[in-house]
Amino acid sequence: MPFLNQCKLGEVLNIPIAHADGNYYIDDEGLASLEAHGQILLRYSDASGKPIVVNGSVTSIAGICNKDKNIFGLMPHPERALEAILGSEDGIAMLQGFAV
């Protein structure tokens, strides 16, 4: 997935979330399909990488893609993590993936 090509598999990124009620929901069959096709690209976690559930998001899902891996949807906001003064610069690597 080009959007994440500047990030390492398993890397913990500090990316803000800004949804009060939003979450990702999917039934068991759909979840099994996403997992089987490697479509779950981001999960919420604490700073150590331990999964956390945010607003009830199923299996801590924060970002998914379609089977062709050319459409990506996510709840976190990498555009809000571009400067240290904002609390994180981790969004830079995510957004640089568009330029490659």
PDB file of N, CA and C in Angstrom:
ATOM      1  N   MET A   1       0.843  -1.171   0.000  1.00  0.00           N
ATOM      2  CA  MET A   1       0.000   0.000   0.000  1.00  0.00           C
ATOM      3  C   MET A   1       0.892   1.238   0.000  1.00  0.00           C
ATOM      4  N   PRO A   2       0.883   2.012  -1.068  1.00  0.00           N
ATOM      5  CA  PRO A   2       1.766   3.181  -1.166  1.00  0.00           C
ATOM      6  C   PRO A   2       1.619   4.174  -0.015  1.00  0.00           C
ATOM      7  N   PHE A   3       0.408   4.344   0.491  1.00  0.00           N
ATOM      8  CA  PHE A   3       0.186   5.320   1.557  1.00  0.00           C
ATOM      9  C   PHE A   3       1.023   5.021   2.787  1.00  0.00           C
ATOM     10  N   LEU A   4       1.306   3.770   3.034  1.00  0.00           N
ATOM     11  CA  LEU A   4       2.051   3.387   4.226  1.00  0.00           C
ATOM     12  C   LEU A   4       3.470   2.905   3.928  1.00  0.00           C
ATOM     13  N   ASN A   5       3.959   3.113   2.715  1.00  0.00           N
ATOM     14  CA  ASN A   5       5.267   2.555   2.354  1.00  0.00           C
ATOM     15  C   ASN A   5       6.443   3.196   3.077  1.00  0.00           C
ATOM     16  N   GLN A   6       6.235   4.302   3.765  1.00  0.00           N
ATOM     17  CA  GLN A   6       7.302   4.928   4.544  1.00  0.00           C
ATOM     18  C   GLN A   6       7.272   4.472   6.007  1.00  0.00           C
ATOM     19  N   CYS A   7       6.327   3.601   6.331  1.00  0.00           N
ATOM     20  CA  CYS A   7       6.181   3.079   7.689  1.00  0.00           C
ATOM     21  C   CYS A   7       6.607   1.617   7.711  1.00  0.00           C
ATOM     22  N   LYS A   8       7.035   1.165   8.876  1.00  0.00           N
ATOM     23  CA  LYS A   8       7.474  -0.221   9.024  1.00  0.00           C
ATOM     24  C   LYS A   8       6.338  -1.062   9.579  1.00  0.00           C
ATOM     25  N   LEU A   9       6.265  -2.311   9.143  1.00  0.00           N
ATOM     26  CA  LEU A   9       5.273  -3.236   9.663  1.00  0.00           C
ATOM     27  C   LEU A   9       5.434  -3.353  11.173  1.00  0.00           C
ATOM     28  N   GLY A  10       4.357  -3.161  11.899  1.00  0.00           N
ATOM     29  CA  GLY A  10       4.398  -3.235  13.356  1.00  0.00           C
ATOM     30  C   GLY A  10       4.816  -1.952  14.049  1.00  0.00           C
ATOM     31  N   GLU A  11       5.188  -0.938  13.290  1.00  0.00           N
ATOM     32  CA  GLU A  11       5.595   0.337  13.877  1.00  0.00           C
ATOM     33  C   GLU A  11       4.413   0.988  14.597  1.00  0.00           C
ATOM     34  N   VAL A  12       4.678   1.550  15.757  1.00  0.00           N
ATOM     35  CA  VAL A  12       3.649   2.262  16.512  1.00  0.00           C
ATOM     36  C   VAL A  12       3.753   3.742  16.151  1.00  0.00           C
ATOM     37  N   LEU A  13       2.656   4.289  15.647  1.00  0.00           N
ATOM     38  CA  LEU A  13       2.609   5.693  15.252  1.00  0.00           C
ATOM     39  C   LEU A  13       1.701   6.453  16.204  1.00  0.00           C
ATOM     40  N   ASN A  14       2.080   7.666  16.535  1.00  0.00           N
ATOM     41  CA  ASN A  14       1.280   8.529  17.386  1.00  0.00           C
ATOM     42  C   ASN A  14       0.489   9.466  16.479  1.00  0.00           C
ATOM     43  N   ILE A  15      -0.744   9.053  16.171  1.00  0.00           N
ATOM     44  CA  ILE A  15      -1.593   9.809  15.260  1.00  0.00           C
ATOM     45  C   ILE A  15      -2.884  10.173  15.995  1.00  0.00           C
ATOM     46  N   PRO A  16      -3.251  11.448  16.005  1.00  0.00           N
ATOM     47  CA  PRO A  16      -4.458  11.856  16.717  1.00  0.00           C
ATOM     48  C   PRO A  16      -5.733  11.261  16.132  1.00  0.00           C
ATOM     49  N   ILE A  17      -6.705  11.086  16.997  1.00  0.00           N
ATOM     50  CA  ILE A  17      -8.055  10.755  16.553  1.00  0.00           C
ATOM     51  C   ILE A  17      -8.935  11.926  16.937  1.00  0.00           C
ATOM     52  N   ALA A  18      -9.990  12.147  16.185  1.00  0.00           N
ATOM     53  CA  ALA A  18     -10.832  13.310  16.442  1.00  0.00           C
ATOM     54  C   ALA A  18     -12.301  12.964  16.277  1.00  0.00           C
ATOM     55  N   HIS A  19     -12.638  11.738  16.579  1.00  0.00           N
ATOM     56  CA  HIS A  19     -14.044  11.355  16.480  1.00  0.00           C
ATOM     57  C   HIS A  19     -14.592  11.111  17.882  1.00  0.00           C
ATOM     58  N   ALA A  20     -15.713  11.691  18.124  1.00  0.00           N
ATOM     59  CA  ALA A  20     -16.330  11.521  19.441  1.00  0.00           C
ATOM     60  C   ALA A  20     -17.098  10.206  19.518  1.00  0.00           C
ATOM     61  N   ASP A  21     -17.732   9.828  18.441  1.00  0.00           N
ATOM     62  CA  ASP A  21     -18.588   8.651  18.460  1.00  0.00           C
ATOM     63  C   ASP A  21     -18.211   7.617  17.412  1.00  0.00           C
ATOM     64  N   GLY A  22     -17.362   7.947  16.477  1.00  0.00           N
ATOM     65  CA  GLY A  22     -17.067   7.058  15.364  1.00  0.00           C
ATOM     66  C   GLY A  22     -16.359   5.790  15.791  1.00  0.00           C
ATOM     67  N   ASN A  23     -16.629   4.716  15.077  1.00  0.00           N
ATOM     68  CA  ASN A  23     -15.928   3.455  15.278  1.00  0.00           C
ATOM     69  C   ASN A  23     -16.081   2.623  14.012  1.00  0.00           C
ATOM     70  N   TYR A  24     -15.337   1.556  13.941  1.00  0.00           N
ATOM     71  CA  TYR A  24     -15.452   0.667  12.791  1.00  0.00           C
ATOM     72  C   TYR A  24     -16.188  -0.583  13.234  1.00  0.00           C
ATOM     73  N   TYR A  25     -17.255  -0.903  12.531  1.00  0.00           N
ATOM     74  CA  TYR A  25     -18.013  -2.108  12.825  1.00  0.00           C
ATOM     75  C   TYR A  25     -18.087  -2.981  11.581  1.00  0.00           C
ATOM     76  N   ILE A  26     -17.951  -4.280  11.786  1.00  0.00           N
ATOM     77  CA  ILE A  26     -18.103  -5.249  10.716  1.00  0.00           C
ATOM     78  C   ILE A  26     -18.537  -6.565  11.347  1.00  0.00           C
ATOM     79  N   ASP A  27     -19.322  -7.347  10.615  1.00  0.00           N
ATOM     80  CA  ASP A  27     -19.765  -8.634  11.157  1.00  0.00           C
ATOM     81  C   ASP A  27     -18.622  -9.651  11.074  1.00  0.00           C
ATOM     82  N   ASP A  28     -18.812 -10.793  11.707  1.00  0.00           N
ATOM     83  CA  ASP A  28     -17.751 -11.801  11.787  1.00  0.00           C
ATOM     84  C   ASP A  28     -17.300 -12.291  10.420  1.00  0.00           C
ATOM     85  N   GLU A  29     -18.224 -12.483   9.510  1.00  0.00           N
ATOM     86  CA  GLU A  29     -17.880 -12.958   8.161  1.00  0.00           C
ATOM     87  C   GLU A  29     -17.030 -11.924   7.420  1.00  0.00           C
ATOM     88  N   GLY A  30     -17.440 -10.676   7.487  1.00  0.00           N
ATOM     89  CA  GLY A  30     -16.675  -9.606   6.851  1.00  0.00           C
ATOM     90  C   GLY A  30     -15.300  -9.443   7.464  1.00  0.00           C
ATOM     91  N   LEU A  31     -15.228  -9.549   8.783  1.00  0.00           N
ATOM     92  CA  LEU A  31     -13.947  -9.447   9.480  1.00  0.00           C
ATOM     93  C   LEU A  31     -13.003 -10.561   9.040  1.00  0.00           C
ATOM     94  N   ALA A  32     -13.525 -11.769   8.945  1.00  0.00           N
ATOM     95  CA  ALA A  32     -12.703 -12.903   8.503  1.00  0.00           C
ATOM     96  C   ALA A  32     -12.169 -12.663   7.096  1.00  0.00           C
ATOM     97  N   SER A  33     -12.988 -12.076   6.239  1.00  0.00           N
ATOM     98  CA  SER A  33     -12.548 -11.779   4.872  1.00  0.00           C
ATOM     99  C   SER A  33     -11.457 -10.709   4.859  1.00  0.00           C
ATOM    100  N   LEU A  34     -11.646  -9.636   5.641  1.00  0.00           N
ATOM    101  CA  LEU A  34     -10.619  -8.595   5.722  1.00  0.00           C
ATOM    102  C   LEU A  34      -9.293  -9.176   6.192  1.00  0.00           C
ATOM    103  N   GLU A  35      -9.357 -10.001   7.220  1.00  0.00           N
ATOM    104  CA  GLU A  35      -8.136 -10.597   7.761  1.00  0.00           C
ATOM    105  C   GLU A  35      -7.490 -11.540   6.754  1.00  0.00           C
ATOM    106  N   ALA A  36      -8.289 -12.345   6.067  1.00  0.00           N
ATOM    107  CA  ALA A  36      -7.764 -13.308   5.098  1.00  0.00           C
ATOM    108  C   ALA A  36      -7.082 -12.629   3.919  1.00  0.00           C
ATOM    109  N   HIS A  37      -7.549 -11.435   3.568  1.00  0.00           N
ATOM    110  CA  HIS A  37      -6.992 -10.721   2.415  1.00  0.00           C
ATOM    111  C   HIS A  37      -6.003  -9.626   2.813  1.00  0.00           C
ATOM    112  N   GLY A  38      -5.629  -9.568   4.076  1.00  0.00           N
ATOM    113  CA  GLY A  38      -4.652  -8.568   4.520  1.00  0.00           C
ATOM    114  C   GLY A  38      -5.116  -7.141   4.347  1.00  0.00           C
ATOM    115  N   GLN A  39      -6.395  -6.908   4.572  1.00  0.00           N
ATOM    116  CA  GLN A  39      -6.959  -5.584   4.343  1.00  0.00           C
ATOM    117  C   GLN A  39      -6.997  -4.700   5.584  1.00  0.00           C
ATOM    118  N   ILE A  40      -6.676  -5.219   6.739  1.00  0.00           N
ATOM    119  CA  ILE A  40      -6.621  -4.388   7.942  1.00  0.00           C
ATOM    120  C   ILE A  40      -5.211  -3.822   8.035  1.00  0.00           C
ATOM    121  N   LEU A  41      -5.098  -2.527   7.838  1.00  0.00           N
ATOM    122  CA  LEU A  41      -3.778  -1.892   7.751  1.00  0.00           C
ATOM    123  C   LEU A  41      -3.366  -1.159   9.017  1.00  0.00           C
ATOM    124  N   LEU A  42      -4.319  -0.706   9.801  1.00  0.00           N
ATOM    125  CA  LEU A  42      -4.014   0.029  11.027  1.00  0.00           C
ATOM    126  C   LEU A  42      -4.927  -0.432  12.147  1.00  0.00           C
ATOM    127  N   ARG A  43      -4.358  -0.523  13.335  1.00  0.00           N
ATOM    128  CA  ARG A  43      -5.136  -0.821  14.539  1.00  0.00           C
ATOM    129  C   ARG A  43      -4.748   0.187  15.618  1.00  0.00           C
ATOM    130  N   TYR A  44      -5.712   0.517  16.443  1.00  0.00           N
ATOM    131  CA  TYR A  44      -5.433   1.375  17.582  1.00  0.00           C
ATOM    132  C   TYR A  44      -4.600   0.604  18.598  1.00  0.00           C
ATOM    133  N   SER A  45      -3.656   1.292  19.207  1.00  0.00           N
ATOM    134  CA  SER A  45      -2.836   0.663  20.252  1.00  0.00           C
ATOM    135  C   SER A  45      -2.377   1.731  21.226  1.00  0.00           C
ATOM    136  N   ASP A  46      -1.840   1.244  22.354  1.00  0.00           N
ATOM    137  CA  ASP A  46      -1.199   2.184  23.269  1.00  0.00           C
ATOM    138  C   ASP A  46       0.232   2.407  22.775  1.00  0.00           C
ATOM    139  N   ALA A  47       0.998   3.190  23.487  1.00  0.00           N
ATOM    140  CA  ALA A  47       2.359   3.543  23.051  1.00  0.00           C
ATOM    141  C   ALA A  47       3.286   2.338  22.938  1.00  0.00           C
ATOM    142  N   SER A  48       2.958   1.257  23.644  1.00  0.00           N
ATOM    143  CA  SER A  48       3.806   0.058  23.572  1.00  0.00           C
ATOM    144  C   SER A  48       3.374  -0.904  22.460  1.00  0.00           C
ATOM    145  N   GLY A  49       2.277  -0.583  21.785  1.00  0.00           N
ATOM    146  CA  GLY A  49       1.790  -1.437  20.707  1.00  0.00           C
ATOM    147  C   GLY A  49       0.698  -2.405  21.122  1.00  0.00           C
ATOM    148  N   LYS A  50       0.299  -2.363  22.389  1.00  0.00           N
ATOM    149  CA  LYS A  50      -0.780  -3.232  22.861  1.00  0.00           C
ATOM    150  C   LYS A  50      -2.113  -2.706  22.318  1.00  0.00           C
ATOM    151  N   PRO A  51      -2.889  -3.553  21.618  1.00  0.00           N
ATOM    152  CA  PRO A  51      -4.168  -3.094  21.057  1.00  0.00           C
ATOM    153  C   PRO A  51      -5.102  -2.514  22.115  1.00  0.00           C
ATOM    154  N   ILE A  52      -5.764  -1.435  21.746  1.00  0.00           N
ATOM    155  CA  ILE A  52      -6.797  -0.838  22.593  1.00  0.00           C
ATOM    156  C   ILE A  52      -8.034  -0.624  21.728  1.00  0.00           C
ATOM    157  N   VAL A  53      -9.179  -0.689  22.340  1.00  0.00           N
ATOM    158  CA  VAL A  53     -10.433  -0.445  21.627  1.00  0.00           C
ATOM    159  C   VAL A  53     -10.798   1.020  21.803  1.00  0.00           C
ATOM    160  N   VAL A  54     -11.041   1.691  20.701  1.00  0.00           N
ATOM    161  CA  VAL A  54     -11.432   3.101  20.725  1.00  0.00           C
ATOM    162  C   VAL A  54     -12.887   3.199  20.258  1.00  0.00           C
ATOM    163  N   ASN A  55     -13.727   3.703  21.109  1.00  0.00           N
ATOM    164  CA  ASN A  55     -15.154   3.886  20.800  1.00  0.00           C
ATOM    165  C   ASN A  55     -15.821   2.620  20.266  1.00  0.00           C
ATOM    166  N   GLY A  56     -15.360   1.452  20.690  1.00  0.00           N
ATOM    167  CA  GLY A  56     -15.993   0.203  20.278  1.00  0.00           C
ATOM    168  C   GLY A  56     -15.553  -0.327  18.937  1.00  0.00           C
ATOM    169  N   SER A  57     -14.495   0.204  18.367  1.00  0.00           N
ATOM    170  CA  SER A  57     -14.021  -0.262  17.070  1.00  0.00           C
ATOM    171  C   SER A  57     -13.680  -1.756  17.140  1.00  0.00           C
ATOM    172  N   VAL A  58     -14.281  -2.538  16.247  1.00  0.00           N
ATOM    173  CA  VAL A  58     -14.103  -3.994  16.237  1.00  0.00           C
ATOM    174  C   VAL A  58     -12.630  -4.343  16.075  1.00  0.00           C
ATOM    175  N   THR A  59     -12.119  -5.184  16.929  1.00  0.00           N
ATOM    176  CA  THR A  59     -10.720  -5.641  16.983  1.00  0.00           C
ATOM    177  C   THR A  59      -9.720  -4.497  16.820  1.00  0.00           C
ATOM    178  N   SER A  60     -10.087  -3.330  17.358  1.00  0.00           N
ATOM    179  CA  SER A  60      -9.207  -2.149  17.363  1.00  0.00           C
ATOM    180  C   SER A  60      -8.881  -1.620  15.967  1.00  0.00           C
ATOM    181  N   ILE A  61      -9.722  -1.907  14.978  1.00  0.00           N
ATOM    182  CA  ILE A  61      -9.446  -1.488  13.602  1.00  0.00           C
ATOM    183  C   ILE A  61      -9.488   0.037  13.489  1.00  0.00           C
ATOM    184  N   ALA A  62      -8.413   0.591  12.908  1.00  0.00           N
ATOM    185  CA  ALA A  62      -8.314   2.034  12.677  1.00  0.00           C
ATOM    186  C   ALA A  62      -8.223   2.363  11.186  1.00  0.00           C
ATOM    187  N   GLY A  63      -7.846   1.381  10.350  1.00  0.00           N
ATOM    188  CA  GLY A  63      -7.719   1.631   8.913  1.00  0.00           C
ATOM    189  C   GLY A  63      -7.788   0.347   8.119  1.00  0.00           C
ATOM    190  N   ILE A  64      -8.515   0.395   7.007  1.00  0.00           N
ATOM    191  CA  ILE A  64      -8.660  -0.767   6.122  1.00  0.00           C
ATOM    192  C   ILE A  64      -8.471  -0.342   4.671  1.00  0.00           C
ATOM    193  N   CYS A  65      -8.311  -1.333   3.803  1.00  0.00           N
ATOM    194  CA  CYS A  65      -8.253  -1.061   2.371  1.00  0.00           C
ATOM    195  C   CYS A  65      -9.128  -2.074   1.634  1.00  0.00           C
ATOM    196  N   ASN A  66      -9.357  -1.816   0.348  1.00  0.00           N
ATOM    197  CA  ASN A  66     -10.098  -2.767  -0.465  1.00  0.00           C
ATOM    198  C   ASN A  66      -9.168  -3.907  -0.885  1.00  0.00           C
ATOM    199  N   LYS A  67      -9.710  -4.923  -1.533  1.00  0.00           N
ATOM    200  CA  LYS A  67      -8.898  -6.088  -1.911  1.00  0.00           C
ATOM    201  C   LYS A  67      -7.775  -5.730  -2.873  1.00  0.00           C
ATOM    202  N   ASP A  68      -7.989  -4.728  -3.727  1.00  0.00           N
ATOM    203  CA  ASP A  68      -6.950  -4.306  -4.669  1.00  0.00           C
ATOM    204  C   ASP A  68      -5.889  -3.435  -4.006  1.00  0.00           C
ATOM    205  N   LYS A  69      -6.144  -3.039  -2.781  1.00  0.00           N
ATOM    206  CA  LYS A  69      -5.236  -2.203  -1.991  1.00  0.00           C
ATOM    207  C   LYS A  69      -4.940  -0.846  -2.646  1.00  0.00           C
ATOM    208  N   ASN A  70      -5.962  -0.324  -3.344  1.00  0.00           N
ATOM    209  CA  ASN A  70      -5.796   0.993  -3.949  1.00  0.00           C
ATOM    210  C   ASN A  70      -6.773   2.025  -3.373  1.00  0.00           C
ATOM    211  N   ILE A  71      -7.619   1.593  -2.440  1.00  0.00           N
ATOM    212  CA  ILE A  71      -8.515   2.493  -1.721  1.00  0.00           C
ATOM    213  C   ILE A  71      -8.319   2.222  -0.238  1.00  0.00           C
ATOM    214  N   PHE A  72      -8.095   3.284   0.512  1.00  0.00           N
ATOM    215  CA  PHE A  72      -7.729   3.173   1.922  1.00  0.00           C
ATOM    216  C   PHE A  72      -8.609   4.107   2.732  1.00  0.00           C
ATOM    217  N   GLY A  73      -9.147   3.611   3.826  1.00  0.00           N
ATOM    218  CA  GLY A  73      -9.931   4.443   4.722  1.00  0.00           C
ATOM    219  C   GLY A  73      -9.383   4.333   6.133  1.00  0.00           C
ATOM    220  N   LEU A  74      -9.327   5.437   6.848  1.00  0.00           N
ATOM    221  CA  LEU A  74      -8.816   5.410   8.204  1.00  0.00           C
ATOM    222  C   LEU A  74      -9.537   6.435   9.062  1.00  0.00           C
ATOM    223  N   MET A  75      -9.547   6.194  10.360  1.00  0.00           N
ATOM    224  CA  MET A  75     -10.156   7.123  11.307  1.00  0.00           C
ATOM    225  C   MET A  75      -9.140   8.118  11.886  1.00  0.00           C
ATOM    226  N   PRO A  76      -7.901   7.716  12.170  1.00  0.00           N
ATOM    227  CA  PRO A  76      -6.933   8.692  12.694  1.00  0.00           C
ATOM    228  C   PRO A  76      -6.643   9.802  11.674  1.00  0.00           C
ATOM    229  N   HIS A  77      -6.045  10.867  12.130  1.00  0.00           N
ATOM    230  CA  HIS A  77      -5.787  12.047  11.298  1.00  0.00           C
ATOM    231  C   HIS A  77      -4.298  12.339  11.186  1.00  0.00           C
ATOM    232  N   PRO A  78      -3.600  11.756  10.207  1.00  0.00           N
ATOM    233  CA  PRO A  78      -2.160  12.011  10.080  1.00  0.00           C
ATOM    234  C   PRO A  78      -1.835  13.474   9.793  1.00  0.00           C
ATOM    235  N   GLU A  79      -2.762  14.204   9.203  1.00  0.00           N
ATOM    236  CA  GLU A  79      -2.512  15.622   8.917  1.00  0.00           C
ATOM    237  C   GLU A  79      -2.428  16.453  10.190  1.00  0.00           C
ATOM    238  N   ARG A  80      -2.831  15.880  11.306  1.00  0.00           N
ATOM    239  CA  ARG A  80      -2.745  16.569  12.597  1.00  0.00           C
ATOM    240  C   ARG A  80      -1.511  16.147  13.386  1.00  0.00           C
ATOM    241  N   ALA A  81      -0.617  15.414  12.729  1.00  0.00           N
ATOM    242  CA  ALA A  81       0.617  14.954  13.388  1.00  0.00           C
ATOM    243  C   ALA A  81       1.811  15.265  12.491  1.00  0.00           C
ATOM    244  N   LEU A  82       1.983  16.548  12.194  1.00  0.00           N
ATOM    245  CA  LEU A  82       3.049  16.966  11.281  1.00  0.00           C
ATOM    246  C   LEU A  82       4.142  17.791  11.945  1.00  0.00           C
ATOM    247  N   GLU A  83       3.934  18.220  13.170  1.00  0.00           N
ATOM    248  CA  GLU A  83       4.914  19.042  13.862  1.00  0.00           C
ATOM    249  C   GLU A  83       4.989  18.635  15.324  1.00  0.00           C
ATOM    250  N   ALA A  84       6.185  18.645  15.866  1.00  0.00           N
ATOM    251  CA  ALA A  84       6.384  18.263  17.265  1.00  0.00           C
ATOM    252  C   ALA A  84       5.528  19.110  18.202  1.00  0.00           C
ATOM    253  N   ILE A  85       5.330  20.366  17.869  1.00  0.00           N
ATOM    254  CA  ILE A  85       4.535  21.245  18.723  1.00  0.00           C
ATOM    255  C   ILE A  85       3.083  20.757  18.825  1.00  0.00           C
ATOM    256  N   LEU A  86       2.649  19.966  17.843  1.00  0.00           N
ATOM    257  CA  LEU A  86       1.303  19.394  17.867  1.00  0.00           C
ATOM    258  C   LEU A  86       1.257  18.077  18.640  1.00  0.00           C
ATOM    259  N   GLY A  87       2.422  17.592  19.048  1.00  0.00           N
ATOM    260  CA  GLY A  87       2.475  16.362  19.828  1.00  0.00           C
ATOM    261  C   GLY A  87       3.057  15.170  19.097  1.00  0.00           C
ATOM    262  N   SER A  88       3.206  15.265  17.792  1.00  0.00           N
ATOM    263  CA  SER A  88       3.769  14.161  17.023  1.00  0.00           C
ATOM    264  C   SER A  88       4.094  14.611  15.602  1.00  0.00           C
ATOM    265  N   GLU A  89       5.122  13.990  15.048  1.00  0.00           N
ATOM    266  CA  GLU A  89       5.463  14.187  13.638  1.00  0.00           C
ATOM    267  C   GLU A  89       5.250  12.894  12.849  1.00  0.00           C
ATOM    268  N   ASP A  90       4.604  11.905  13.467  1.00  0.00           N
ATOM    269  CA  ASP A  90       4.442  10.597  12.841  1.00  0.00           C
ATOM    270  C   ASP A  90       3.559  10.623  11.596  1.00  0.00           C
ATOM    271  N   GLY A  91       2.727  11.623  11.466  1.00  0.00           N
ATOM    272  CA  GLY A  91       1.865  11.731  10.295  1.00  0.00           C
ATOM    273  C   GLY A  91       2.662  12.004   9.023  1.00  0.00           C
ATOM    274  N   ILE A  92       3.853  12.560   9.161  1.00  0.00           N
ATOM    275  CA  ILE A  92       4.683  12.886   7.989  1.00  0.00           C
ATOM    276  C   ILE A  92       4.967  11.633   7.175  1.00  0.00           C
ATOM    277  N   ALA A  93       5.389  10.571   7.827  1.00  0.00           N
ATOM    278  CA  ALA A  93       5.711   9.327   7.103  1.00  0.00           C
ATOM    279  C   ALA A  93       4.492   8.798   6.374  1.00  0.00           C
ATOM    280  N   MET A  94       3.322   8.876   6.997  1.00  0.00           N
ATOM    281  CA  MET A  94       2.116   8.390   6.337  1.00  0.00           C
ATOM    282  C   MET A  94       1.817   9.213   5.093  1.00  0.00           C
ATOM    283  N   LEU A  95       1.888  10.525   5.209  1.00  0.00           N
ATOM    284  CA  LEU A  95       1.546  11.380   4.078  1.00  0.00           C
ATOM    285  C   LEU A  95       2.626  11.369   2.997  1.00  0.00           C
ATOM    286  N   GLN A  96       3.889  11.121   3.357  1.00  0.00           N
ATOM    287  CA  GLN A  96       4.936  11.035   2.352  1.00  0.00           C
ATOM    288  C   GLN A  96       4.714   9.864   1.411  1.00  0.00           C
ATOM    289  N   GLY A  97       3.988   8.866   1.870  1.00  0.00           N
ATOM    290  CA  GLY A  97       3.667   7.727   1.016  1.00  0.00           C
ATOM    291  C   GLY A  97       2.930   8.111  -0.253  1.00  0.00           C
ATOM    292  N   PHE A  98       2.209   9.231  -0.234  1.00  0.00           N
ATOM    293  CA  PHE A  98       1.528   9.697  -1.430  1.00  0.00           C
ATOM    294  C   PHE A  98       2.503  10.207  -2.490  1.00  0.00           C
ATOM    295  N   ALA A  99       3.656  10.697  -2.053  1.00  0.00           N
ATOM    296  CA  ALA A  99       4.613  11.310  -2.968  1.00  0.00           C
ATOM    297  C   ALA A  99       5.487  10.288  -3.693  1.00  0.00           C
ATOM    298  N   VAL A 100       5.526   9.072  -3.196  1.00  0.00           N
ATOM    299  CA  VAL A 100       6.410   8.055  -3.774  1.00  0.00           C
ATOM    300  C   VAL A 100       5.715   7.317  -4.886  1.00  0.00           C
TER     301      VAL A 100
END
